[in-house]
Amino acid sequence: MKRFGFSKFMLIFGLSFIYLPMLILVIYSFNASKLVTVWGGWSFKWYAGLLDNSQLMGSVVRSLEIACYTAIAAVALGTLAAFVLTRVTRFKGRTLFGGLVTAPLVMPEVITGLSLLLLFVAMAQLIGWPMERGIVTIWIAHTTFCAAYVAVVVSARLRELDLSIEEAAMDLGAKPFKVFFLITIPMIAPSLAAGGMMSFALSLDDLVLASFVSGPGSTTLPMEVFSAVRLGVKPEINAVASLILLAVSIVTFMVWYFSRRAEATRKRAIQEAMDQTASESWQQPKKQMVEATA
């Protein structure tokens, strides 16, 4: 009994530790006072004032744009890397390749950011690209960082898959390319969605990498918030953070809902196919006996 009580207490404490600061942030985004730490009543003026703050809204749009690009690219590259690591079991340099894929997970962001900065400077001197650091360089840096997380998530899912389904499709004449897109991808869709959401959140939250590889006119939201906090937290920051929390929550719920619905549909289709196959297998001997009697 005591053990159950302690476990329940730790669960409530952990959830409160994670989500209570977010709740306080949302509440204080409606604070009428200009002082963040002093409650002055309920008001929506800071949300209305966001429309007049072009610099802050520009950084929000820029961060969301980079996060979307990063999620798409990281899912594509991470899925390919995970497929190679789990399906191509024997090739020279496999251990080195696996280490290179997962290296960004343990590499300090300062080292990664400095390395990418030196790379972009060297490339600009050698081939003339990139001419200036901006959205593209931030996107490349975030994709490099987030693809490793996607590779780990998708690899875990690929190792759990039943290979007999893919082998059966190839026995029926399907090409490996077709099997990958029509069978493997739908089966790992939940992990792809999870990796995409993780990449989106990591890109939206990143400050260190963006500080190294950004340039004039490409300030992201974390950089804007960090510079504003050094001078004192403004109520507009709370309003922007609350809107981002709302947007991320809605997108996460939609991804979870459609992934769960697709998984249920897939399982139902597999069960119907198995039932139909079993029914045909049971009726075939009976049909042969009738034909033999006739």
C-alpha atoms as a PDB file:
ATOM      1  CA  MET A   1       0.000   0.000   0.000  1.00  0.00           C
ATOM      2  CA  LYS A   2       2.831   2.385   0.901  1.00  0.00           C
ATOM      3  CA  ARG A   3       4.631   1.484  -2.300  1.00  0.00           C
ATOM      4  CA  PHE A   4       1.575   2.363  -4.394  1.00  0.00           C
ATOM      5  CA  GLY A   5       1.213   5.670  -2.531  1.00  0.00           C
ATOM      6  CA  PHE A   6       4.854   6.582  -3.122  1.00  0.00           C
ATOM      7  CA  SER A   7       4.624   5.701  -6.815  1.00  0.00           C
ATOM      8  CA  LYS A   8       1.505   7.802  -7.204  1.00  0.00           C
ATOM      9  CA  PHE A   9       3.171  10.698  -5.394  1.00  0.00           C
ATOM     10  CA  MET A  10       6.244  10.518  -7.632  1.00  0.00           C
ATOM     11  CA  LEU A  11       4.039  10.421 -10.729  1.00  0.00           C
ATOM     12  CA  ILE A  12       2.113  13.514  -9.647  1.00  0.00           C
ATOM     13  CA  PHE A  13       5.318  15.267  -8.604  1.00  0.00           C
ATOM     14  CA  GLY A  14       7.012  14.501 -11.926  1.00  0.00           C
ATOM     15  CA  LEU A  15       4.068  15.676 -14.021  1.00  0.00           C
ATOM     16  CA  SER A  16       3.732  18.816 -11.911  1.00  0.00           C
ATOM     17  CA  PHE A  17       7.445  19.531 -12.251  1.00  0.00           C
ATOM     18  CA  ILE A  18       7.142  19.333 -16.035  1.00  0.00           C
ATOM     19  CA  TYR A  19       3.803  21.005 -16.721  1.00  0.00           C
ATOM     20  CA  LEU A  20       3.341  23.473 -13.851  1.00  0.00           C
ATOM     21  CA  PRO A  21       5.838  25.995 -15.304  1.00  0.00           C
ATOM     22  CA  MET A  22       3.963  25.847 -18.610  1.00  0.00           C
ATOM     23  CA  LEU A  23       0.668  26.488 -16.833  1.00  0.00           C
ATOM     24  CA  ILE A  24       2.145  29.481 -15.006  1.00  0.00           C
ATOM     25  CA  LEU A  25       3.507  30.774 -18.312  1.00  0.00           C
ATOM     26  CA  VAL A  26       0.071  30.582 -19.929  1.00  0.00           C
ATOM     27  CA  ILE A  27      -1.610  32.277 -16.962  1.00  0.00           C
ATOM     28  CA  TYR A  28       0.863  35.156 -16.897  1.00  0.00           C
ATOM     29  CA  SER A  29       0.448  35.668 -20.631  1.00  0.00           C
ATOM     30  CA  PHE A  30      -2.953  37.164 -19.707  1.00  0.00           C
ATOM     31  CA  ASN A  31      -1.422  39.462 -17.086  1.00  0.00           C
ATOM     32  CA  ALA A  32      -2.482  43.086 -17.518  1.00  0.00           C
ATOM     33  CA  SER A  33       0.606  44.402 -15.736  1.00  0.00           C
ATOM     34  CA  LYS A  34       3.770  45.348 -17.603  1.00  0.00           C
ATOM     35  CA  LEU A  35       5.761  43.639 -14.853  1.00  0.00           C
ATOM     36  CA  VAL A  36       5.889  39.916 -15.458  1.00  0.00           C
ATOM     37  CA  THR A  37       6.190  38.987 -11.781  1.00  0.00           C
ATOM     38  CA  VAL A  38       3.350  41.264 -10.598  1.00  0.00           C
ATOM     39  CA  TRP A  39      -0.226  40.168 -11.276  1.00  0.00           C
ATOM     40  CA  GLY A  40      -2.425  43.017 -12.504  1.00  0.00           C
ATOM     41  CA  GLY A  41      -5.574  41.249 -13.602  1.00  0.00           C
ATOM     42  CA  TRP A  42      -6.712  39.486 -16.752  1.00  0.00           C
ATOM     43  CA  SER A  43      -6.124  41.047 -20.144  1.00  0.00           C
ATOM     44  CA  PHE A  44      -5.667  40.068 -23.815  1.00  0.00           C
ATOM     45  CA  LYS A  45      -3.678  43.167 -24.723  1.00  0.00           C
ATOM     46  CA  TRP A  46      -0.357  41.337 -25.034  1.00  0.00           C
ATOM     47  CA  TYR A  47      -1.840  38.973 -27.611  1.00  0.00           C
ATOM     48  CA  ALA A  48      -3.225  41.934 -29.532  1.00  0.00           C
ATOM     49  CA  GLY A  49       0.116  43.699 -29.201  1.00  0.00           C
ATOM     50  CA  LEU A  50       1.890  40.838 -30.967  1.00  0.00           C
ATOM     51  CA  LEU A  51       0.475  42.021 -34.275  1.00  0.00           C
ATOM     52  CA  ASP A  52       2.347  45.307 -33.862  1.00  0.00           C
ATOM     53  CA  ASN A  53       5.644  43.658 -32.912  1.00  0.00           C
ATOM     54  CA  SER A  54       6.924  42.850 -36.387  1.00  0.00           C
ATOM     55  CA  GLN A  55      10.366  41.793 -35.177  1.00  0.00           C
ATOM     56  CA  LEU A  56       9.041  39.190 -32.757  1.00  0.00           C
ATOM     57  CA  MET A  57       6.416  37.858 -35.162  1.00  0.00           C
ATOM     58  CA  GLY A  58       9.028  37.655 -37.897  1.00  0.00           C
ATOM     59  CA  SER A  59      11.224  35.476 -35.695  1.00  0.00           C
ATOM     60  CA  VAL A  60       8.224  33.259 -34.891  1.00  0.00           C
ATOM     61  CA  VAL A  61       7.379  32.723 -38.561  1.00  0.00           C
ATOM     62  CA  ARG A  62      11.043  32.127 -39.364  1.00  0.00           C
ATOM     63  CA  SER A  63      11.433  29.552 -36.601  1.00  0.00           C
ATOM     64  CA  LEU A  64       8.278  27.695 -37.643  1.00  0.00           C
ATOM     65  CA  GLU A  65       9.446  27.661 -41.256  1.00  0.00           C
ATOM     66  CA  ILE A  66      12.855  26.271 -40.332  1.00  0.00           C
ATOM     67  CA  ALA A  67      11.279  23.705 -37.998  1.00  0.00           C
ATOM     68  CA  CYS A  68       8.966  22.420 -40.750  1.00  0.00           C
ATOM     69  CA  TYR A  69      11.818  22.114 -43.243  1.00  0.00           C
ATOM     70  CA  THR A  70      13.966  20.400 -40.614  1.00  0.00           C
ATOM     71  CA  ALA A  71      11.267  17.882 -39.708  1.00  0.00           C
ATOM     72  CA  ILE A  72      10.785  16.851 -43.343  1.00  0.00           C
ATOM     73  CA  ALA A  73      14.491  16.554 -44.136  1.00  0.00           C
ATOM     74  CA  ALA A  74      15.368  14.834 -40.852  1.00  0.00           C
ATOM     75  CA  VAL A  75      12.632  12.215 -41.298  1.00  0.00           C
ATOM     76  CA  ALA A  76      13.807  11.464 -44.839  1.00  0.00           C
ATOM     77  CA  LEU A  77      17.511  11.191 -43.983  1.00  0.00           C
ATOM     78  CA  GLY A  78      16.972   9.486 -40.627  1.00  0.00           C
ATOM     79  CA  THR A  79      14.658   6.874 -42.145  1.00  0.00           C
ATOM     80  CA  LEU A  80      17.162   6.018 -44.872  1.00  0.00           C
ATOM     81  CA  ALA A  81      19.963   5.736 -42.317  1.00  0.00           C
ATOM     82  CA  ALA A  82      17.820   3.541 -40.066  1.00  0.00           C
ATOM     83  CA  PHE A  83      16.857   1.309 -42.991  1.00  0.00           C
ATOM     84  CA  VAL A  84      20.512   0.805 -43.922  1.00  0.00           C
ATOM     85  CA  LEU A  85      21.493   0.007 -40.327  1.00  0.00           C
ATOM     86  CA  THR A  86      18.686  -2.532 -39.812  1.00  0.00           C
ATOM     87  CA  ARG A  87      18.262  -4.115 -43.238  1.00  0.00           C
ATOM     88  CA  VAL A  88      21.779  -4.013 -44.710  1.00  0.00           C
ATOM     89  CA  THR A  89      23.510  -5.989 -41.998  1.00  0.00           C
ATOM     90  CA  ARG A  90      26.834  -6.671 -43.703  1.00  0.00           C
ATOM     91  CA  PHE A  91      28.919  -4.068 -45.467  1.00  0.00           C
ATOM     92  CA  LYS A  92      32.338  -2.593 -44.904  1.00  0.00           C
ATOM     93  CA  GLY A  93      32.306   0.332 -42.549  1.00  0.00           C
ATOM     94  CA  ARG A  94      28.940  -0.480 -40.980  1.00  0.00           C
ATOM     95  CA  THR A  95      30.217   0.210 -37.467  1.00  0.00           C
ATOM     96  CA  LEU A  96      31.738   3.496 -38.589  1.00  0.00           C
ATOM     97  CA  PHE A  97      28.531   4.456 -40.381  1.00  0.00           C
ATOM     98  CA  GLY A  98      26.450   3.708 -37.290  1.00  0.00           C
ATOM     99  CA  GLY A  99      28.792   5.788 -35.170  1.00  0.00           C
ATOM    100  CA  LEU A 100      28.612   8.717 -37.566  1.00  0.00           C
ATOM    101  CA  VAL A 101      24.809   8.560 -37.607  1.00  0.00           C
ATOM    102  CA  THR A 102      24.482   8.643 -33.824  1.00  0.00           C
ATOM    103  CA  ALA A 103      27.420  10.992 -33.143  1.00  0.00           C
ATOM    104  CA  PRO A 104      25.257  14.159 -32.969  1.00  0.00           C
ATOM    105  CA  LEU A 105      23.390  12.609 -30.031  1.00  0.00           C
ATOM    106  CA  VAL A 106      26.458  12.759 -27.778  1.00  0.00           C
ATOM    107  CA  MET A 107      28.328  15.622 -29.413  1.00  0.00           C
ATOM    108  CA  PRO A 108      28.114  18.942 -27.504  1.00  0.00           C
ATOM    109  CA  GLU A 109      26.094  21.468 -29.463  1.00  0.00           C
ATOM    110  CA  VAL A 110      28.844  24.052 -29.091  1.00  0.00           C
ATOM    111  CA  ILE A 111      31.296  21.753 -30.876  1.00  0.00           C
ATOM    112  CA  THR A 112      28.754  20.927 -33.579  1.00  0.00           C
ATOM    113  CA  GLY A 113      27.873  24.579 -34.110  1.00  0.00           C
ATOM    114  CA  LEU A 114      31.502  25.665 -34.304  1.00  0.00           C
ATOM    115  CA  SER A 115      32.331  22.835 -36.729  1.00  0.00           C
ATOM    116  CA  LEU A 116      29.436  23.751 -39.020  1.00  0.00           C
ATOM    117  CA  LEU A 117      30.407  27.416 -38.893  1.00  0.00           C
ATOM    118  CA  LEU A 118      33.960  26.605 -39.985  1.00  0.00           C
ATOM    119  CA  LEU A 119      32.570  24.306 -42.695  1.00  0.00           C
ATOM    120  CA  PHE A 120      30.296  27.013 -44.117  1.00  0.00           C
ATOM    121  CA  VAL A 121      33.120  29.566 -44.067  1.00  0.00           C
ATOM    122  CA  ALA A 122      35.463  27.154 -45.868  1.00  0.00           C
ATOM    123  CA  MET A 123      32.799  26.288 -48.450  1.00  0.00           C
ATOM    124  CA  ALA A 124      32.107  29.963 -49.084  1.00  0.00           C
ATOM    125  CA  GLN A 125      35.793  30.535 -49.785  1.00  0.00           C
ATOM    126  CA  LEU A 126      36.201  27.465 -52.001  1.00  0.00           C
ATOM    127  CA  ILE A 127      32.981  27.245 -54.025  1.00  0.00           C
ATOM    128  CA  GLY A 128      31.267  30.519 -53.184  1.00  0.00           C
ATOM    129  CA  TRP A 129      28.358  28.920 -51.337  1.00  0.00           C
ATOM    130  CA  PRO A 130      26.782  29.837 -49.018  1.00  0.00           C
ATOM    131  CA  MET A 131      27.316  33.497 -49.758  1.00  0.00           C
ATOM    132  CA  GLU A 132      25.778  34.442 -46.406  1.00  0.00           C
ATOM    133  CA  ARG A 133      24.513  32.589 -43.381  1.00  0.00           C
ATOM    134  CA  GLY A 134      20.759  32.516 -42.952  1.00  0.00           C
ATOM    135  CA  ILE A 135      17.749  30.224 -43.059  1.00  0.00           C
ATOM    136  CA  VAL A 136      19.449  27.643 -45.288  1.00  0.00           C
ATOM    137  CA  THR A 137      22.485  27.247 -43.035  1.00  0.00           C
ATOM    138  CA  ILE A 138      20.281  26.989 -39.936  1.00  0.00           C
ATOM    139  CA  TRP A 139      18.154  24.373 -41.699  1.00  0.00           C
ATOM    140  CA  ILE A 140      21.241  22.305 -42.605  1.00  0.00           C
ATOM    141  CA  ALA A 141      22.552  22.503 -39.042  1.00  0.00           C
ATOM    142  CA  HIS A 142      19.224  21.489 -37.517  1.00  0.00           C
ATOM    143  CA  THR A 143      18.779  18.641 -40.006  1.00  0.00           C
ATOM    144  CA  THR A 144      22.228  17.296 -39.158  1.00  0.00           C
ATOM    145  CA  PHE A 145      21.336  17.352 -35.478  1.00  0.00           C
ATOM    146  CA  CYS A 146      17.765  16.007 -35.689  1.00  0.00           C
ATOM    147  CA  ALA A 147      18.350  13.222 -38.230  1.00  0.00           C
ATOM    148  CA  ALA A 148      20.208  11.241 -35.566  1.00  0.00           C
ATOM    149  CA  TYR A 149      17.146  11.236 -33.302  1.00  0.00           C
ATOM    150  CA  VAL A 150      14.912  10.092 -36.152  1.00  0.00           C
ATOM    151  CA  ALA A 151      17.363   7.316 -37.043  1.00  0.00           C
ATOM    152  CA  VAL A 152      17.287   5.960 -33.481  1.00  0.00           C
ATOM    153  CA  VAL A 153      13.476   6.052 -33.261  1.00  0.00           C
ATOM    154  CA  VAL A 154      12.900   4.472 -36.672  1.00  0.00           C
ATOM    155  CA  SER A 155      15.614   1.831 -36.122  1.00  0.00           C
ATOM    156  CA  ALA A 156      13.857   0.641 -32.984  1.00  0.00           C
ATOM    157  CA  ARG A 157      10.600   0.285 -34.921  1.00  0.00           C
ATOM    158  CA  LEU A 158      12.213  -1.478 -37.890  1.00  0.00           C
ATOM    159  CA  ARG A 159      13.792  -4.089 -35.611  1.00  0.00           C
ATOM    160  CA  GLU A 160      10.349  -4.954 -34.236  1.00  0.00           C
ATOM    161  CA  LEU A 161       8.709  -5.484 -37.633  1.00  0.00           C
ATOM    162  CA  ASP A 162       7.766  -8.920 -38.867  1.00  0.00           C
ATOM    163  CA  LEU A 163       9.903  -9.497 -41.952  1.00  0.00           C
ATOM    164  CA  SER A 164       7.574 -12.234 -43.181  1.00  0.00           C
ATOM    165  CA  ILE A 165       5.143  -9.617 -44.504  1.00  0.00           C
ATOM    166  CA  GLU A 166       7.820  -7.964 -46.629  1.00  0.00           C
ATOM    167  CA  GLU A 167       9.156 -11.335 -47.756  1.00  0.00           C
ATOM    168  CA  ALA A 168       5.662 -12.458 -48.748  1.00  0.00           C
ATOM    169  CA  ALA A 169       5.211  -9.326 -50.842  1.00  0.00           C
ATOM    170  CA  MET A 170       8.515  -9.937 -52.635  1.00  0.00           C
ATOM    171  CA  ASP A 171       7.582 -13.589 -53.197  1.00  0.00           C
ATOM    172  CA  LEU A 172       4.444 -12.342 -54.951  1.00  0.00           C
ATOM    173  CA  GLY A 173       6.590 -10.303 -57.342  1.00  0.00           C
ATOM    174  CA  ALA A 174       6.813  -6.898 -55.672  1.00  0.00           C
ATOM    175  CA  LYS A 175      10.070  -5.022 -56.131  1.00  0.00           C
ATOM    176  CA  PRO A 176      12.037  -3.940 -53.018  1.00  0.00           C
ATOM    177  CA  PHE A 177      11.378  -0.293 -53.875  1.00  0.00           C
ATOM    178  CA  LYS A 178       7.628  -0.941 -54.010  1.00  0.00           C
ATOM    179  CA  VAL A 179       7.703  -3.010 -50.818  1.00  0.00           C
ATOM    180  CA  PHE A 180       9.467  -0.193 -48.995  1.00  0.00           C
ATOM    181  CA  PHE A 181       6.909   2.459 -49.927  1.00  0.00           C
ATOM    182  CA  LEU A 182       3.716   0.364 -49.832  1.00  0.00           C
ATOM    183  CA  ILE A 183       4.417  -1.931 -46.878  1.00  0.00           C
ATOM    184  CA  THR A 184       7.362  -0.771 -44.771  1.00  0.00           C
ATOM    185  CA  ILE A 185       6.525   2.945 -44.692  1.00  0.00           C
ATOM    186  CA  PRO A 186       2.875   2.432 -43.583  1.00  0.00           C
ATOM    187  CA  MET A 187       4.011   0.019 -40.870  1.00  0.00           C
ATOM    188  CA  ILE A 188       6.523   2.488 -39.428  1.00  0.00           C
ATOM    189  CA  ALA A 189       4.287   5.538 -39.902  1.00  0.00           C
ATOM    190  CA  PRO A 190       3.825   6.116 -36.132  1.00  0.00           C
ATOM    191  CA  SER A 191       7.585   6.212 -35.603  1.00  0.00           C
ATOM    192  CA  LEU A 192       7.967   8.576 -38.560  1.00  0.00           C
ATOM    193  CA  ALA A 193       5.378  10.874 -37.024  1.00  0.00           C
ATOM    194  CA  ALA A 194       7.133  10.700 -33.657  1.00  0.00           C
ATOM    195  CA  GLY A 195      10.486  11.457 -35.241  1.00  0.00           C
ATOM    196  CA  GLY A 196       9.019  14.345 -37.194  1.00  0.00           C
ATOM    197  CA  MET A 197       7.440  15.871 -34.092  1.00  0.00           C
ATOM    198  CA  MET A 198      10.673  15.433 -32.157  1.00  0.00           C
ATOM    199  CA  SER A 199      12.653  17.108 -34.942  1.00  0.00           C
ATOM    200  CA  PHE A 200      10.140  19.942 -35.124  1.00  0.00           C
ATOM    201  CA  ALA A 201      10.367  20.545 -31.371  1.00  0.00           C
ATOM    202  CA  LEU A 202      14.170  20.322 -31.273  1.00  0.00           C
ATOM    203  CA  SER A 203      14.532  22.740 -34.172  1.00  0.00           C
ATOM    204  CA  LEU A 204      12.033  25.174 -32.712  1.00  0.00           C
ATOM    205  CA  ASP A 205      13.809  25.091 -29.355  1.00  0.00           C
ATOM    206  CA  ASP A 206      17.422  25.257 -30.555  1.00  0.00           C
ATOM    207  CA  LEU A 207      19.517  28.250 -29.562  1.00  0.00           C
ATOM    208  CA  VAL A 208      23.144  27.126 -29.683  1.00  0.00           C
ATOM    209  CA  LEU A 209      23.373  25.896 -33.283  1.00  0.00           C
ATOM    210  CA  ALA A 210      21.335  28.810 -34.619  1.00  0.00           C
ATOM    211  CA  SER A 211      23.599  31.272 -32.813  1.00  0.00           C
ATOM    212  CA  PHE A 212      26.631  29.910 -34.675  1.00  0.00           C
ATOM    213  CA  VAL A 213      25.234  29.522 -38.197  1.00  0.00           C
ATOM    214  CA  SER A 214      22.740  32.394 -38.403  1.00  0.00           C
ATOM    215  CA  GLY A 215      23.352  35.754 -39.995  1.00  0.00           C
ATOM    216  CA  PRO A 216      21.767  39.182 -40.241  1.00  0.00           C
ATOM    217  CA  GLY A 217      18.016  38.998 -40.761  1.00  0.00           C
ATOM    218  CA  SER A 218      17.742  35.329 -39.751  1.00  0.00           C
ATOM    219  CA  THR A 219      17.149  35.624 -36.014  1.00  0.00           C
ATOM    220  CA  THR A 220      15.070  32.739 -34.686  1.00  0.00           C
ATOM    221  CA  LEU A 221      12.588  32.850 -31.827  1.00  0.00           C
ATOM    222  CA  PRO A 222      14.933  31.319 -29.191  1.00  0.00           C
ATOM    223  CA  MET A 223      17.575  33.899 -30.104  1.00  0.00           C
ATOM    224  CA  GLU A 224      15.004  36.683 -29.861  1.00  0.00           C
ATOM    225  CA  VAL A 225      13.750  35.411 -26.505  1.00  0.00           C
ATOM    226  CA  PHE A 226      17.277  35.007 -25.159  1.00  0.00           C
ATOM    227  CA  SER A 227      18.254  38.534 -26.117  1.00  0.00           C
ATOM    228  CA  ALA A 228      15.011  39.891 -24.633  1.00  0.00           C
ATOM    229  CA  VAL A 229      15.438  37.985 -21.360  1.00  0.00           C
ATOM    230  CA  ARG A 230      18.858  39.522 -20.840  1.00  0.00           C
ATOM    231  CA  LEU A 231      17.145  42.912 -20.713  1.00  0.00           C
ATOM    232  CA  GLY A 232      14.135  41.637 -18.749  1.00  0.00           C
ATOM    233  CA  VAL A 233      11.272  39.340 -19.675  1.00  0.00           C
ATOM    234  CA  LYS A 234       8.526  41.116 -21.587  1.00  0.00           C
ATOM    235  CA  PRO A 235       4.856  40.052 -21.437  1.00  0.00           C
ATOM    236  CA  GLU A 236       4.854  39.572 -25.215  1.00  0.00           C
ATOM    237  CA  ILE A 237       7.288  36.686 -24.753  1.00  0.00           C
ATOM    238  CA  ASN A 238       4.773  34.877 -22.551  1.00  0.00           C
ATOM    239  CA  ALA A 239       2.044  35.397 -25.143  1.00  0.00           C
ATOM    240  CA  VAL A 240       4.206  34.055 -27.974  1.00  0.00           C
ATOM    241  CA  ALA A 241       5.267  31.037 -25.923  1.00  0.00           C
ATOM    242  CA  SER A 242       1.629  30.300 -25.060  1.00  0.00           C
ATOM    243  CA  LEU A 243       0.620  30.401 -28.717  1.00  0.00           C
ATOM    244  CA  ILE A 244       3.458  28.049 -29.627  1.00  0.00           C
ATOM    245  CA  LEU A 245       2.420  25.662 -26.843  1.00  0.00           C
ATOM    246  CA  LEU A 246      -1.120  25.692 -28.206  1.00  0.00           C
ATOM    247  CA  ALA A 247       0.024  25.080 -31.782  1.00  0.00           C
ATOM    248  CA  VAL A 248       2.388  22.251 -30.809  1.00  0.00           C
ATOM    249  CA  SER A 249      -0.303  20.633 -28.645  1.00  0.00           C
ATOM    250  CA  ILE A 250      -2.828  20.716 -31.472  1.00  0.00           C
ATOM    251  CA  VAL A 251      -0.374  19.299 -34.012  1.00  0.00           C
ATOM    252  CA  THR A 252       0.746  16.586 -31.584  1.00  0.00           C
ATOM    253  CA  PHE A 253      -2.836  15.546 -30.905  1.00  0.00           C
ATOM    254  CA  MET A 254      -3.628  15.424 -34.624  1.00  0.00           C
ATOM    255  CA  VAL A 255      -0.547  13.320 -35.375  1.00  0.00           C
ATOM    256  CA  TRP A 256      -1.383  10.954 -32.514  1.00  0.00           C
ATOM    257  CA  TYR A 257      -5.012  10.655 -33.583  1.00  0.00           C
ATOM    258  CA  PHE A 258      -4.351   9.971 -37.267  1.00  0.00           C
ATOM    259  CA  SER A 259      -1.437   7.623 -36.496  1.00  0.00           C
ATOM    260  CA  ARG A 260      -3.603   5.629 -34.121  1.00  0.00           C
ATOM    261  CA  ARG A 261      -6.415   5.547 -36.658  1.00  0.00           C
ATOM    262  CA  ALA A 262      -4.071   4.391 -39.432  1.00  0.00           C
ATOM    263  CA  GLU A 263      -2.578   1.711 -37.176  1.00  0.00           C
ATOM    264  CA  ALA A 264      -6.046   0.422 -36.272  1.00  0.00           C
ATOM    265  CA  THR A 265      -7.052   0.341 -39.943  1.00  0.00           C
ATOM    266  CA  ARG A 266      -3.885  -1.550 -40.852  1.00  0.00           C
ATOM    267  CA  LYS A 267      -4.395  -4.147 -38.115  1.00  0.00           C
ATOM    268  CA  ARG A 268      -8.030  -4.598 -39.127  1.00  0.00           C
ATOM    269  CA  ALA A 269      -7.032  -5.107 -42.771  1.00  0.00           C
ATOM    270  CA  ILE A 270      -4.387  -7.667 -41.803  1.00  0.00           C
ATOM    271  CA  GLN A 271      -6.872  -9.542 -39.615  1.00  0.00           C
ATOM    272  CA  GLU A 272      -9.477  -9.581 -42.394  1.00  0.00           C
ATOM    273  CA  ALA A 273      -6.899 -10.888 -44.858  1.00  0.00           C
ATOM    274  CA  MET A 274      -5.836 -13.634 -42.438  1.00  0.00           C
ATOM    275  CA  ASP A 275      -9.455 -14.616 -41.799  1.00  0.00           C
ATOM    276  CA  GLN A 276     -10.154 -14.734 -45.522  1.00  0.00           C
ATOM    277  CA  THR A 277      -7.065 -16.862 -46.146  1.00  0.00           C
ATOM    278  CA  ALA A 278      -8.021 -19.252 -43.357  1.00  0.00           C
ATOM    279  CA  SER A 279     -11.564 -19.518 -44.708  1.00  0.00           C
ATOM    280  CA  GLU A 280     -10.327 -20.282 -48.216  1.00  0.00           C
ATOM    281  CA  SER A 281      -7.864 -22.859 -46.871  1.00  0.00           C
ATOM    282  CA  TRP A 282     -10.668 -24.583 -44.956  1.00  0.00           C
ATOM    283  CA  GLN A 283     -13.061 -24.615 -47.911  1.00  0.00           C
ATOM    284  CA  GLN A 284     -10.513 -25.832 -50.482  1.00  0.00           C
ATOM    285  CA  PRO A 285     -10.254 -29.485 -49.223  1.00  0.00           C
ATOM    286  CA  LYS A 286     -14.037 -29.674 -49.035  1.00  0.00           C
ATOM    287  CA  LYS A 287     -14.302 -28.446 -52.611  1.00  0.00           C
ATOM    288  CA  GLN A 288     -11.745 -31.014 -53.765  1.00  0.00           C
ATOM    289  CA  MET A 289     -13.721 -33.813 -52.097  1.00  0.00           C
ATOM    290  CA  VAL A 290     -16.910 -32.698 -53.850  1.00  0.00           C
ATOM    291  CA  GLU A 291     -15.122 -32.621 -57.208  1.00  0.00           C
ATOM    292  CA  ALA A 292     -13.610 -36.060 -56.597  1.00  0.00           C
ATOM    293  CA  THR A 293     -17.028 -37.502 -55.711  1.00  0.00           C
ATOM    294  CA  ALA A 294     -18.576 -36.010 -58.834  1.00  0.00           C
END
